[in-house]
Amino acid sequence: MQDINEVLNPHRGEEQARARQHTRDLLERRGVRLTGSETDDELANLWSAVERFENTVEARGGDSMINAADSVEPENPLFILPERGSRESAGDYTRRVREAANRLTRFEREK
């Protein structure tokens, strides 16, 4: 007997693969190193963290083009998305990106 999900939505696997690739493309365009072993949930959590970081930078007046990892003269080093370590898990990296966004929020309050 076929899996009930396959019966209800025979194109689900294709849709999931497209969504996974779209998220991977978004992250890679932002310079996030991916290993290919990230789960769908890890990719979604990572994208959410990166998006929050970018929104926080923008809310603080930062420009993601000027504050990229390869920028020669960033406006503020805190506005640069942290780089993922070569052996860092997706979960650990996601936590670091969230912490970086939190630091930006606290930085503005303390200023």
PDB file of N, CA and C in Angstrom:
ATOM      1  N   MET A   1       0.830  -1.189   0.000  1.00  0.00           N
ATOM      2  CA  MET A   1       0.000   0.000   0.000  1.00  0.00           C
ATOM      3  C   MET A   1       0.873   1.252   0.000  1.00  0.00           C
ATOM      4  N   GLN A   2       0.489   2.241  -0.799  1.00  0.00           N
ATOM      5  CA  GLN A   2       1.265   3.481  -0.899  1.00  0.00           C
ATOM      6  C   GLN A   2       1.169   4.285   0.389  1.00  0.00           C
ATOM      7  N   ASP A   3       2.215   5.042   0.650  1.00  0.00           N
ATOM      8  CA  ASP A   3       2.226   5.955   1.787  1.00  0.00           C
ATOM      9  C   ASP A   3       1.086   6.959   1.624  1.00  0.00           C
ATOM     10  N   ILE A   4       0.389   7.276   2.697  1.00  0.00           N
ATOM     11  CA  ILE A   4      -0.758   8.183   2.633  1.00  0.00           C
ATOM     12  C   ILE A   4      -0.366   9.562   2.115  1.00  0.00           C
ATOM     13  N   ASN A   5       0.827  10.040   2.470  1.00  0.00           N
ATOM     14  CA  ASN A   5       1.293  11.349   1.978  1.00  0.00           C
ATOM     15  C   ASN A   5       1.490  11.341   0.470  1.00  0.00           C
ATOM     16  N   GLU A   6       1.946  10.229  -0.049  1.00  0.00           N
ATOM     17  CA  GLU A   6       2.140  10.098  -1.499  1.00  0.00           C
ATOM     18  C   GLU A   6       0.806  10.121  -2.222  1.00  0.00           C
ATOM     19  N   VAL A   7      -0.184   9.499  -1.615  1.00  0.00           N
ATOM     20  CA  VAL A   7      -1.515   9.468  -2.217  1.00  0.00           C
ATOM     21  C   VAL A   7      -2.139  10.862  -2.189  1.00  0.00           C
ATOM     22  N   LEU A   8      -2.018  11.544  -1.040  1.00  0.00           N
ATOM     23  CA  LEU A   8      -2.634  12.863  -0.897  1.00  0.00           C
ATOM     24  C   LEU A   8      -1.924  13.937  -1.709  1.00  0.00           C
ATOM     25  N   ASN A   9      -0.623  13.818  -1.820  1.00  0.00           N
ATOM     26  CA  ASN A   9       0.138  14.821  -2.553  1.00  0.00           C
ATOM     27  C   ASN A   9       1.287  14.130  -3.292  1.00  0.00           C
ATOM     28  N   PRO A  10       1.030  13.661  -4.490  1.00  0.00           N
ATOM     29  CA  PRO A  10       2.049  12.894  -5.212  1.00  0.00           C
ATOM     30  C   PRO A  10       3.277  13.706  -5.618  1.00  0.00           C
ATOM     31  N   HIS A  11       3.188  15.028  -5.562  1.00  0.00           N
ATOM     32  CA  HIS A  11       4.321  15.872  -5.948  1.00  0.00           C
ATOM     33  C   HIS A  11       5.055  16.457  -4.749  1.00  0.00           C
ATOM     34  N   ARG A  12       4.742  15.970  -3.572  1.00  0.00           N
ATOM     35  CA  ARG A  12       5.335  16.520  -2.352  1.00  0.00           C
ATOM     36  C   ARG A  12       6.863  16.447  -2.365  1.00  0.00           C
ATOM     37  N   GLY A  13       7.405  15.338  -2.772  1.00  0.00           N
ATOM     38  CA  GLY A  13       8.860  15.174  -2.800  1.00  0.00           C
ATOM     39  C   GLY A  13       9.531  16.195  -3.708  1.00  0.00           C
ATOM     40  N   GLU A  14       8.920  16.427  -4.869  1.00  0.00           N
ATOM     41  CA  GLU A  14       9.466  17.414  -5.804  1.00  0.00           C
ATOM     42  C   GLU A  14       9.398  18.820  -5.210  1.00  0.00           C
ATOM     43  N   GLU A  15       8.289  19.129  -4.565  1.00  0.00           N
ATOM     44  CA  GLU A  15       8.123  20.446  -3.950  1.00  0.00           C
ATOM     45  C   GLU A  15       9.134  20.653  -2.832  1.00  0.00           C
ATOM     46  N   GLN A  16       9.358  19.611  -2.041  1.00  0.00           N
ATOM     47  CA  GLN A  16      10.343  19.703  -0.967  1.00  0.00           C
ATOM     48  C   GLN A  16      11.748  19.894  -1.527  1.00  0.00           C
ATOM     49  N   ALA A  17      12.066  19.198  -2.589  1.00  0.00           N
ATOM     50  CA  ALA A  17      13.391  19.337  -3.204  1.00  0.00           C
ATOM     51  C   ALA A  17      13.587  20.749  -3.746  1.00  0.00           C
ATOM     52  N   ARG A  18      12.554  21.320  -4.376  1.00  0.00           N
ATOM     53  CA  ARG A  18      12.655  22.699  -4.880  1.00  0.00           C
ATOM     54  C   ARG A  18      12.823  23.691  -3.730  1.00  0.00           C
ATOM     55  N   ALA A  19      12.068  23.508  -2.662  1.00  0.00           N
ATOM     56  CA  ALA A  19      12.168  24.400  -1.501  1.00  0.00           C
ATOM     57  C   ALA A  19      13.556  24.294  -0.869  1.00  0.00           C
ATOM     58  N   ARG A  20      14.075  23.077  -0.763  1.00  0.00           N
ATOM     59  CA  ARG A  20      15.411  22.862  -0.199  1.00  0.00           C
ATOM     60  C   ARG A  20      16.462  23.572  -1.046  1.00  0.00           C
ATOM     61  N   GLN A  21      16.370  23.424  -2.360  1.00  0.00           N
ATOM     62  CA  GLN A  21      17.346  24.056  -3.251  1.00  0.00           C
ATOM     63  C   GLN A  21      17.235  25.571  -3.198  1.00  0.00           C
ATOM     64  N   HIS A  22      16.023  26.079  -3.127  1.00  0.00           N
ATOM     65  CA  HIS A  22      15.815  27.526  -3.034  1.00  0.00           C
ATOM     66  C   HIS A  22      16.477  28.078  -1.762  1.00  0.00           C
ATOM     67  N   THR A  23      16.279  27.406  -0.650  1.00  0.00           N
ATOM     68  CA  THR A  23      16.887  27.845   0.608  1.00  0.00           C
ATOM     69  C   THR A  23      18.404  27.762   0.533  1.00  0.00           C
ATOM     70  N   ARG A  24      18.918  26.692  -0.039  1.00  0.00           N
ATOM     71  CA  ARG A  24      20.374  26.554  -0.205  1.00  0.00           C
ATOM     72  C   ARG A  24      20.917  27.712  -1.052  1.00  0.00           C
ATOM     73  N   ASP A  25      20.225  28.029  -2.149  1.00  0.00           N
ATOM     74  CA  ASP A  25      20.659  29.129  -3.018  1.00  0.00           C
ATOM     75  C   ASP A  25      20.675  30.457  -2.271  1.00  0.00           C
ATOM     76  N   LEU A  26      19.629  30.726  -1.488  1.00  0.00           N
ATOM     77  CA  LEU A  26      19.566  31.969  -0.714  1.00  0.00           C
ATOM     78  C   LEU A  26      20.743  32.074   0.254  1.00  0.00           C
ATOM     79  N   LEU A  27      21.023  30.990   0.944  1.00  0.00           N
ATOM     80  CA  LEU A  27      22.114  30.997   1.919  1.00  0.00           C
ATOM     81  C   LEU A  27      23.473  31.139   1.231  1.00  0.00           C
ATOM     82  N   GLU A  28      23.667  30.423   0.147  1.00  0.00           N
ATOM     83  CA  GLU A  28      24.953  30.486  -0.553  1.00  0.00           C
ATOM     84  C   GLU A  28      25.196  31.873  -1.137  1.00  0.00           C
ATOM     85  N   ARG A  29      24.128  32.536  -1.610  1.00  0.00           N
ATOM     86  CA  ARG A  29      24.290  33.906  -2.118  1.00  0.00           C
ATOM     87  C   ARG A  29      24.724  34.872  -1.030  1.00  0.00           C
ATOM     88  N   ARG A  30      24.460  34.524   0.199  1.00  0.00           N
ATOM     89  CA  ARG A  30      24.865  35.375   1.318  1.00  0.00           C
ATOM     90  C   ARG A  30      26.214  34.949   1.886  1.00  0.00           C
ATOM     91  N   GLY A  31      26.850  34.017   1.217  1.00  0.00           N
ATOM     92  CA  GLY A  31      28.182  33.597   1.622  1.00  0.00           C
ATOM     93  C   GLY A  31      28.210  32.536   2.697  1.00  0.00           C
ATOM     94  N   VAL A  32      27.077  31.908   2.969  1.00  0.00           N
ATOM     95  CA  VAL A  32      27.030  30.861   3.986  1.00  0.00           C
ATOM     96  C   VAL A  32      27.558  29.568   3.396  1.00  0.00           C
ATOM     97  N   ARG A  33      28.529  29.001   4.054  1.00  0.00           N
ATOM     98  CA  ARG A  33      29.120  27.729   3.609  1.00  0.00           C
ATOM     99  C   ARG A  33      28.194  26.587   4.027  1.00  0.00           C
ATOM    100  N   LEU A  34      27.811  25.760   3.064  1.00  0.00           N
ATOM    101  CA  LEU A  34      26.969  24.607   3.332  1.00  0.00           C
ATOM    102  C   LEU A  34      27.743  23.342   3.017  1.00  0.00           C
ATOM    103  N   THR A  35      27.471  22.303   3.781  1.00  0.00           N
ATOM    104  CA  THR A  35      28.188  21.042   3.580  1.00  0.00           C
ATOM    105  C   THR A  35      27.427  20.079   2.686  1.00  0.00           C
ATOM    106  N   GLY A  36      26.126  20.288   2.547  1.00  0.00           N
ATOM    107  CA  GLY A  36      25.294  19.354   1.799  1.00  0.00           C
ATOM    108  C   GLY A  36      24.647  18.321   2.691  1.00  0.00           C
ATOM    109  N   SER A  37      25.067  18.268   3.947  1.00  0.00           N
ATOM    110  CA  SER A  37      24.479  17.286   4.870  1.00  0.00           C
ATOM    111  C   SER A  37      23.412  17.912   5.775  1.00  0.00           C
ATOM    112  N   GLU A  38      23.103  19.183   5.551  1.00  0.00           N
ATOM    113  CA  GLU A  38      22.107  19.845   6.380  1.00  0.00           C
ATOM    114  C   GLU A  38      20.711  19.278   6.089  1.00  0.00           C
ATOM    115  N   THR A  39      19.944  19.083   7.140  1.00  0.00           N
ATOM    116  CA  THR A  39      18.568  18.616   6.973  1.00  0.00           C
ATOM    117  C   THR A  39      17.687  19.791   6.549  1.00  0.00           C
ATOM    118  N   ASP A  40      16.473  19.475   6.118  1.00  0.00           N
ATOM    119  CA  ASP A  40      15.531  20.525   5.746  1.00  0.00           C
ATOM    120  C   ASP A  40      15.270  21.457   6.929  1.00  0.00           C
ATOM    121  N   ASP A  41      15.098  20.882   8.112  1.00  0.00           N
ATOM    122  CA  ASP A  41      14.869  21.708   9.306  1.00  0.00           C
ATOM    123  C   ASP A  41      16.075  22.590   9.614  1.00  0.00           C
ATOM    124  N   GLU A  42      17.279  22.056   9.481  1.00  0.00           N
ATOM    125  CA  GLU A  42      18.482  22.851   9.732  1.00  0.00           C
ATOM    126  C   GLU A  42      18.588  24.004   8.744  1.00  0.00           C
ATOM    127  N   LEU A  43      18.288  23.734   7.472  1.00  0.00           N
ATOM    128  CA  LEU A  43      18.327  24.796   6.466  1.00  0.00           C
ATOM    129  C   LEU A  43      17.296  25.875   6.776  1.00  0.00           C
ATOM    130  N   ALA A  44      16.099  25.466   7.159  1.00  0.00           N
ATOM    131  CA  ALA A  44      15.046  26.428   7.477  1.00  0.00           C
ATOM    132  C   ALA A  44      15.431  27.266   8.693  1.00  0.00           C
ATOM    133  N   ASN A  45      15.968  26.629   9.719  1.00  0.00           N
ATOM    134  CA  ASN A  45      16.384  27.362  10.925  1.00  0.00           C
ATOM    135  C   ASN A  45      17.534  28.315  10.616  1.00  0.00           C
ATOM    136  N   LEU A  46      18.460  27.863   9.799  1.00  0.00           N
ATOM    137  CA  LEU A  46      19.595  28.700   9.432  1.00  0.00           C
ATOM    138  C   LEU A  46      19.131  29.899   8.615  1.00  0.00           C
ATOM    139  N   TRP A  47      18.256  29.674   7.657  1.00  0.00           N
ATOM    140  CA  TRP A  47      17.738  30.783   6.856  1.00  0.00           C
ATOM    141  C   TRP A  47      17.007  31.791   7.743  1.00  0.00           C
ATOM    142  N   SER A  48      16.231  31.298   8.684  1.00  0.00           N
ATOM    143  CA  SER A  48      15.511  32.176   9.605  1.00  0.00           C
ATOM    144  C   SER A  48      16.490  33.035  10.414  1.00  0.00           C
ATOM    145  N   ALA A  49      17.567  32.427  10.890  1.00  0.00           N
ATOM    146  CA  ALA A  49      18.571  33.156  11.666  1.00  0.00           C
ATOM    147  C   ALA A  49      19.293  34.191  10.810  1.00  0.00           C
ATOM    148  N   VAL A  50      19.657  33.823   9.588  1.00  0.00           N
ATOM    149  CA  VAL A  50      20.346  34.754   8.683  1.00  0.00           C
ATOM    150  C   VAL A  50      19.429  35.916   8.336  1.00  0.00           C
ATOM    151  N   GLU A  51      18.176  35.619   8.060  1.00  0.00           N
ATOM    152  CA  GLU A  51      17.218  36.677   7.730  1.00  0.00           C
ATOM    153  C   GLU A  51      17.029  37.631   8.909  1.00  0.00           C
ATOM    154  N   ARG A  52      16.961  37.079  10.112  1.00  0.00           N
ATOM    155  CA  ARG A  52      16.837  37.933  11.301  1.00  0.00           C
ATOM    156  C   ARG A  52      18.079  38.807  11.463  1.00  0.00           C
ATOM    157  N   PHE A  53      19.253  38.227  11.266  1.00  0.00           N
ATOM    158  CA  PHE A  53      20.490  38.989  11.359  1.00  0.00           C
ATOM    159  C   PHE A  53      20.484  40.140  10.356  1.00  0.00           C
ATOM    160  N   GLU A  54      20.134  39.835   9.098  1.00  0.00           N
ATOM    161  CA  GLU A  54      20.110  40.868   8.058  1.00  0.00           C
ATOM    162  C   GLU A  54      19.093  41.963   8.381  1.00  0.00           C
ATOM    163  N   ASN A  55      17.936  41.581   8.883  1.00  0.00           N
ATOM    164  CA  ASN A  55      16.923  42.571   9.244  1.00  0.00           C
ATOM    165  C   ASN A  55      17.393  43.453  10.396  1.00  0.00           C
ATOM    166  N   THR A  56      18.117  42.865  11.335  1.00  0.00           N
ATOM    167  CA  THR A  56      18.648  43.638  12.459  1.00  0.00           C
ATOM    168  C   THR A  56      19.710  44.611  11.974  1.00  0.00           C
ATOM    169  N   VAL A  57      20.578  44.161  11.084  1.00  0.00           N
ATOM    170  CA  VAL A  57      21.600  45.051  10.509  1.00  0.00           C
ATOM    171  C   VAL A  57      20.917  46.206   9.780  1.00  0.00           C
ATOM    172  N   GLU A  58      19.932  45.895   8.971  1.00  0.00           N
ATOM    173  CA  GLU A  58      19.224  46.925   8.215  1.00  0.00           C
ATOM    174  C   GLU A  58      18.527  47.918   9.153  1.00  0.00           C
ATOM    175  N   ALA A  59      17.939  47.408  10.224  1.00  0.00           N
ATOM    176  CA  ALA A  59      17.264  48.281  11.183  1.00  0.00           C
ATOM    177  C   ALA A  59      18.252  49.214  11.891  1.00  0.00           C
ATOM    178  N   ARG A  60      19.523  48.816  11.930  1.00  0.00           N
ATOM    179  CA  ARG A  60      20.566  49.632  12.563  1.00  0.00           C
ATOM    180  C   ARG A  60      21.255  50.542  11.545  1.00  0.00           C
ATOM    181  N   GLY A  61      20.741  50.545  10.314  1.00  0.00           N
ATOM    182  CA  GLY A  61      21.287  51.426   9.288  1.00  0.00           C
ATOM    183  C   GLY A  61      22.391  50.812   8.464  1.00  0.00           C
ATOM    184  N   GLY A  62      22.626  49.515   8.619  1.00  0.00           N
ATOM    185  CA  GLY A  62      23.680  48.847   7.872  1.00  0.00           C
ATOM    186  C   GLY A  62      23.221  48.433   6.487  1.00  0.00           C
ATOM    187  N   ASP A  63      24.181  48.249   5.613  1.00  0.00           N
ATOM    188  CA  ASP A  63      23.938  47.844   4.235  1.00  0.00           C
ATOM    189  C   ASP A  63      24.632  46.507   4.021  1.00  0.00           C
ATOM    190  N   SER A  64      23.881  45.489   3.605  1.00  0.00           N
ATOM    191  CA  SER A  64      24.456  44.158   3.454  1.00  0.00           C
ATOM    192  C   SER A  64      25.511  44.087   2.348  1.00  0.00           C
ATOM    193  N   MET A  65      25.456  44.990   1.373  1.00  0.00           N
ATOM    194  CA  MET A  65      26.456  44.984   0.303  1.00  0.00           C
ATOM    195  C   MET A  65      27.799  45.529   0.818  1.00  0.00           C
ATOM    196  N   ILE A  66      27.737  46.546   1.641  1.00  0.00           N
ATOM    197  CA  ILE A  66      28.957  47.144   2.183  1.00  0.00           C
ATOM    198  C   ILE A  66      29.536  46.283   3.301  1.00  0.00           C
ATOM    199  N   ASN A  67      28.670  45.582   4.014  1.00  0.00           N
ATOM    200  CA  ASN A  67      29.088  44.814   5.176  1.00  0.00           C
ATOM    201  C   ASN A  67      29.149  43.314   4.905  1.00  0.00           C
ATOM    202  N   ALA A  68      29.540  42.946   3.706  1.00  0.00           N
ATOM    203  CA  ALA A  68      29.704  41.535   3.357  1.00  0.00           C
ATOM    204  C   ALA A  68      31.040  41.028   3.887  1.00  0.00           C
ATOM    205  N   ALA A  69      31.166  39.722   3.976  1.00  0.00           N
ATOM    206  CA  ALA A  69      32.401  39.123   4.499  1.00  0.00           C
ATOM    207  C   ALA A  69      33.623  39.523   3.692  1.00  0.00           C
ATOM    208  N   ASP A  70      33.447  39.785   2.396  1.00  0.00           N
ATOM    209  CA  ASP A  70      34.582  40.148   1.550  1.00  0.00           C
ATOM    210  C   ASP A  70      34.759  41.660   1.408  1.00  0.00           C
ATOM    211  N   SER A  71      34.041  42.444   2.220  1.00  0.00           N
ATOM    212  CA  SER A  71      34.163  43.904   2.159  1.00  0.00           C
ATOM    213  C   SER A  71      35.528  44.368   2.648  1.00  0.00           C
ATOM    214  N   VAL A  72      36.114  45.295   1.913  1.00  0.00           N
ATOM    215  CA  VAL A  72      37.401  45.853   2.296  1.00  0.00           C
ATOM    216  C   VAL A  72      37.234  46.804   3.480  1.00  0.00           C
ATOM    217  N   GLU A  73      36.190  47.628   3.424  1.00  0.00           N
ATOM    218  CA  GLU A  73      35.954  48.595   4.486  1.00  0.00           C
ATOM    219  C   GLU A  73      34.494  48.544   4.950  1.00  0.00           C
ATOM    220  N   PRO A  74      34.158  47.564   5.813  1.00  0.00           N
ATOM    221  CA  PRO A  74      32.784  47.508   6.295  1.00  0.00           C
ATOM    222  C   PRO A  74      32.484  48.697   7.215  1.00  0.00           C
ATOM    223  N   GLU A  75      31.199  49.084   7.256  1.00  0.00           N
ATOM    224  CA  GLU A  75      30.786  50.173   8.138  1.00  0.00           C
ATOM    225  C   GLU A  75      31.035  49.814   9.597  1.00  0.00           C
ATOM    226  N   ASN A  76      30.733  48.572   9.916  1.00  0.00           N
ATOM    227  CA  ASN A  76      30.848  48.104  11.284  1.00  0.00           C
ATOM    228  C   ASN A  76      31.084  46.600  11.222  1.00  0.00           C
ATOM    229  N   PRO A  77      32.153  46.113  11.822  1.00  0.00           N
ATOM    230  CA  PRO A  77      32.430  44.671  11.780  1.00  0.00           C
ATOM    231  C   PRO A  77      31.293  43.831  12.358  1.00  0.00           C
ATOM    232  N   LEU A  78      30.503  44.408  13.269  1.00  0.00           N
ATOM    233  CA  LEU A  78      29.376  43.680  13.842  1.00  0.00           C
ATOM    234  C   LEU A  78      28.265  43.443  12.822  1.00  0.00           C
ATOM    235  N   PHE A  79      28.286  44.198  11.724  1.00  0.00           N
ATOM    236  CA  PHE A  79      27.268  44.064  10.684  1.00  0.00           C
ATOM    237  C   PHE A  79      27.580  42.956   9.681  1.00  0.00           C
ATOM    238  N   ILE A  80      28.712  42.302   9.831  1.00  0.00           N
ATOM    239  CA  ILE A  80      29.107  41.229   8.916  1.00  0.00           C
ATOM    240  C   ILE A  80      28.602  39.900   9.460  1.00  0.00           C
ATOM    241  N   LEU A  81      27.899  39.155   8.613  1.00  0.00           N
ATOM    242  CA  LEU A  81      27.404  37.840   8.994  1.00  0.00           C
ATOM    243  C   LEU A  81      28.582  36.973   9.406  1.00  0.00           C
ATOM    244  N   PRO A  82      28.514  36.344  10.580  1.00  0.00           N
ATOM    245  CA  PRO A  82      29.623  35.481  10.999  1.00  0.00           C
ATOM    246  C   PRO A  82      29.875  34.377   9.972  1.00  0.00           C
ATOM    247  N   GLU A  83      31.117  34.008   9.836  1.00  0.00           N
ATOM    248  CA  GLU A  83      31.480  32.936   8.905  1.00  0.00           C
ATOM    249  C   GLU A  83      31.326  31.592   9.603  1.00  0.00           C
ATOM    250  N   ARG A  84      30.857  30.609   8.868  1.00  0.00           N
ATOM    251  CA  ARG A  84      30.705  29.262   9.426  1.00  0.00           C
ATOM    252  C   ARG A  84      32.043  28.562   9.442  1.00  0.00           C
ATOM    253  N   GLY A  85      32.366  27.960  10.566  1.00  0.00           N
ATOM    254  CA  GLY A  85      33.596  27.200  10.690  1.00  0.00           C
ATOM    255  C   GLY A  85      33.561  25.942   9.839  1.00  0.00           C
ATOM    256  N   SER A  86      34.711  25.475   9.439  1.00  0.00           N
ATOM    257  CA  SER A  86      34.781  24.344   8.515  1.00  0.00           C
ATOM    258  C   SER A  86      34.175  23.062   9.094  1.00  0.00           C
ATOM    259  N   ARG A  87      34.202  22.906  10.386  1.00  0.00           N
ATOM    260  CA  ARG A  87      33.631  21.701  11.009  1.00  0.00           C
ATOM    261  C   ARG A  87      32.449  22.038  11.920  1.00  0.00           C
ATOM    262  N   GLU A  88      31.929  23.235  11.775  1.00  0.00           N
ATOM    263  CA  GLU A  88      30.833  23.678  12.632  1.00  0.00           C
ATOM    264  C   GLU A  88      29.509  23.094  12.139  1.00  0.00           C
ATOM    265  N   SER A  89      28.753  22.546  13.058  1.00  0.00           N
ATOM    266  CA  SER A  89      27.459  21.984  12.677  1.00  0.00           C
ATOM    267  C   SER A  89      26.498  23.104  12.309  1.00  0.00           C
ATOM    268  N   ALA A  90      25.478  22.752  11.562  1.00  0.00           N
ATOM    269  CA  ALA A  90      24.471  23.744  11.171  1.00  0.00           C
ATOM    270  C   ALA A  90      23.791  24.328  12.410  1.00  0.00           C
ATOM    271  N   GLY A  91      23.525  23.497  13.400  1.00  0.00           N
ATOM    272  CA  GLY A  91      22.891  23.966  14.629  1.00  0.00           C
ATOM    273  C   GLY A  91      23.757  24.950  15.386  1.00  0.00           C
ATOM    274  N   ASP A  92      25.052  24.641  15.506  1.00  0.00           N
ATOM    275  CA  ASP A  92      25.971  25.550  16.210  1.00  0.00           C
ATOM    276  C   ASP A  92      26.106  26.873  15.467  1.00  0.00           C
ATOM    277  N   TYR A  93      26.182  26.791  14.153  1.00  0.00           N
ATOM    278  CA  TYR A  93      26.307  28.019  13.359  1.00  0.00           C
ATOM    279  C   TYR A  93      25.033  28.855  13.469  1.00  0.00           C
ATOM    280  N   THR A  94      23.894  28.218  13.426  1.00  0.00           N
ATOM    281  CA  THR A  94      22.627  28.934  13.572  1.00  0.00           C
ATOM    282  C   THR A  94      22.596  29.670  14.901  1.00  0.00           C
ATOM    283  N   ARG A  95      23.034  29.018  15.973  1.00  0.00           N
ATOM    284  CA  ARG A  95      23.082  29.664  17.298  1.00  0.00           C
ATOM    285  C   ARG A  95      24.002  30.880  17.272  1.00  0.00           C
ATOM    286  N   ARG A  96      25.151  30.756  16.622  1.00  0.00           N
ATOM    287  CA  ARG A  96      26.077  31.898  16.556  1.00  0.00           C
ATOM    288  C   ARG A  96      25.490  33.070  15.783  1.00  0.00           C
ATOM    289  N   VAL A  97      24.774  32.786  14.697  1.00  0.00           N
ATOM    290  CA  VAL A  97      24.147  33.859  13.913  1.00  0.00           C
ATOM    291  C   VAL A  97      23.083  34.544  14.763  1.00  0.00           C
ATOM    292  N   ARG A  98      22.294  33.766  15.493  1.00  0.00           N
ATOM    293  CA  ARG A  98      21.277  34.356  16.386  1.00  0.00           C
ATOM    294  C   ARG A  98      21.930  35.205  17.473  1.00  0.00           C
ATOM    295  N   GLU A  99      23.012  34.711  18.038  1.00  0.00           N
ATOM    296  CA  GLU A  99      23.726  35.472  19.068  1.00  0.00           C
ATOM    297  C   GLU A  99      24.272  36.778  18.494  1.00  0.00           C
ATOM    298  N   ALA A 100      24.756  36.742  17.271  1.00  0.00           N
ATOM    299  CA  ALA A 100      25.269  37.959  16.620  1.00  0.00           C
ATOM    300  C   ALA A 100      24.147  38.978  16.444  1.00  0.00           C
ATOM    301  N   ALA A 101      22.966  38.533  16.063  1.00  0.00           N
ATOM    302  CA  ALA A 101      21.816  39.439  15.931  1.00  0.00           C
ATOM    303  C   ALA A 101      21.439  40.000  17.301  1.00  0.00           C
ATOM    304  N   ASN A 102      21.481  39.162  18.326  1.00  0.00           N
ATOM    305  CA  ASN A 102      21.180  39.635  19.683  1.00  0.00           C
ATOM    306  C   ASN A 102      22.185  40.669  20.155  1.00  0.00           C
ATOM    307  N   ARG A 103      23.458  40.467  19.829  1.00  0.00           N
ATOM    308  CA  ARG A 103      24.490  41.447  20.212  1.00  0.00           C
ATOM    309  C   ARG A 103      24.227  42.789  19.556  1.00  0.00           C
ATOM    310  N   LEU A 104      23.793  42.766  18.308  1.00  0.00           N
ATOM    311  CA  LEU A 104      23.472  44.027  17.617  1.00  0.00           C
ATOM    312  C   LEU A 104      22.328  44.747  18.320  1.00  0.00           C
ATOM    313  N   THR A 105      21.358  43.993  18.755  1.00  0.00           N
ATOM    314  CA  THR A 105      20.222  44.585  19.464  1.00  0.00           C
ATOM    315  C   THR A 105      20.686  45.184  20.786  1.00  0.00           C
ATOM    316  N   ARG A 106      21.492  44.456  21.533  1.00  0.00           N
ATOM    317  CA  ARG A 106      22.009  44.973  22.826  1.00  0.00           C
ATOM    318  C   ARG A 106      22.945  46.151  22.596  1.00  0.00           C
ATOM    319  N   PHE A 107      23.766  46.086  21.533  1.00  0.00           N
ATOM    320  CA  PHE A 107      24.710  47.159  21.218  1.00  0.00           C
ATOM    321  C   PHE A 107      23.973  48.473  21.051  1.00  0.00           C
ATOM    322  N   GLU A 108      22.861  48.418  20.337  1.00  0.00           N
ATOM    323  CA  GLU A 108      22.082  49.638  20.098  1.00  0.00           C
ATOM    324  C   GLU A 108      21.466  50.158  21.392  1.00  0.00           C
ATOM    325  N   ARG A 109      21.020  49.272  22.271  1.00  0.00           N
ATOM    326  CA  ARG A 109      20.417  49.705  23.532  1.00  0.00           C
ATOM    327  C   ARG A 109      21.447  50.339  24.449  1.00  0.00           C
ATOM    328  N   GLU A 110      22.678  49.798  24.453  1.00  0.00           N
ATOM    329  CA  GLU A 110      23.725  50.293  25.339  1.00  0.00           C
ATOM    330  C   GLU A 110      24.315  51.590  24.868  1.00  0.00           C
ATOM    331  N   LYS A 111      24.204  51.862  23.598  1.00  0.00           N
ATOM    332  CA  LYS A 111      24.843  53.026  22.991  1.00  0.00           C
ATOM    333  C   LYS A 111      24.304  54.333  23.540  1.00  0.00           C
TER     334      LYS A 111
END
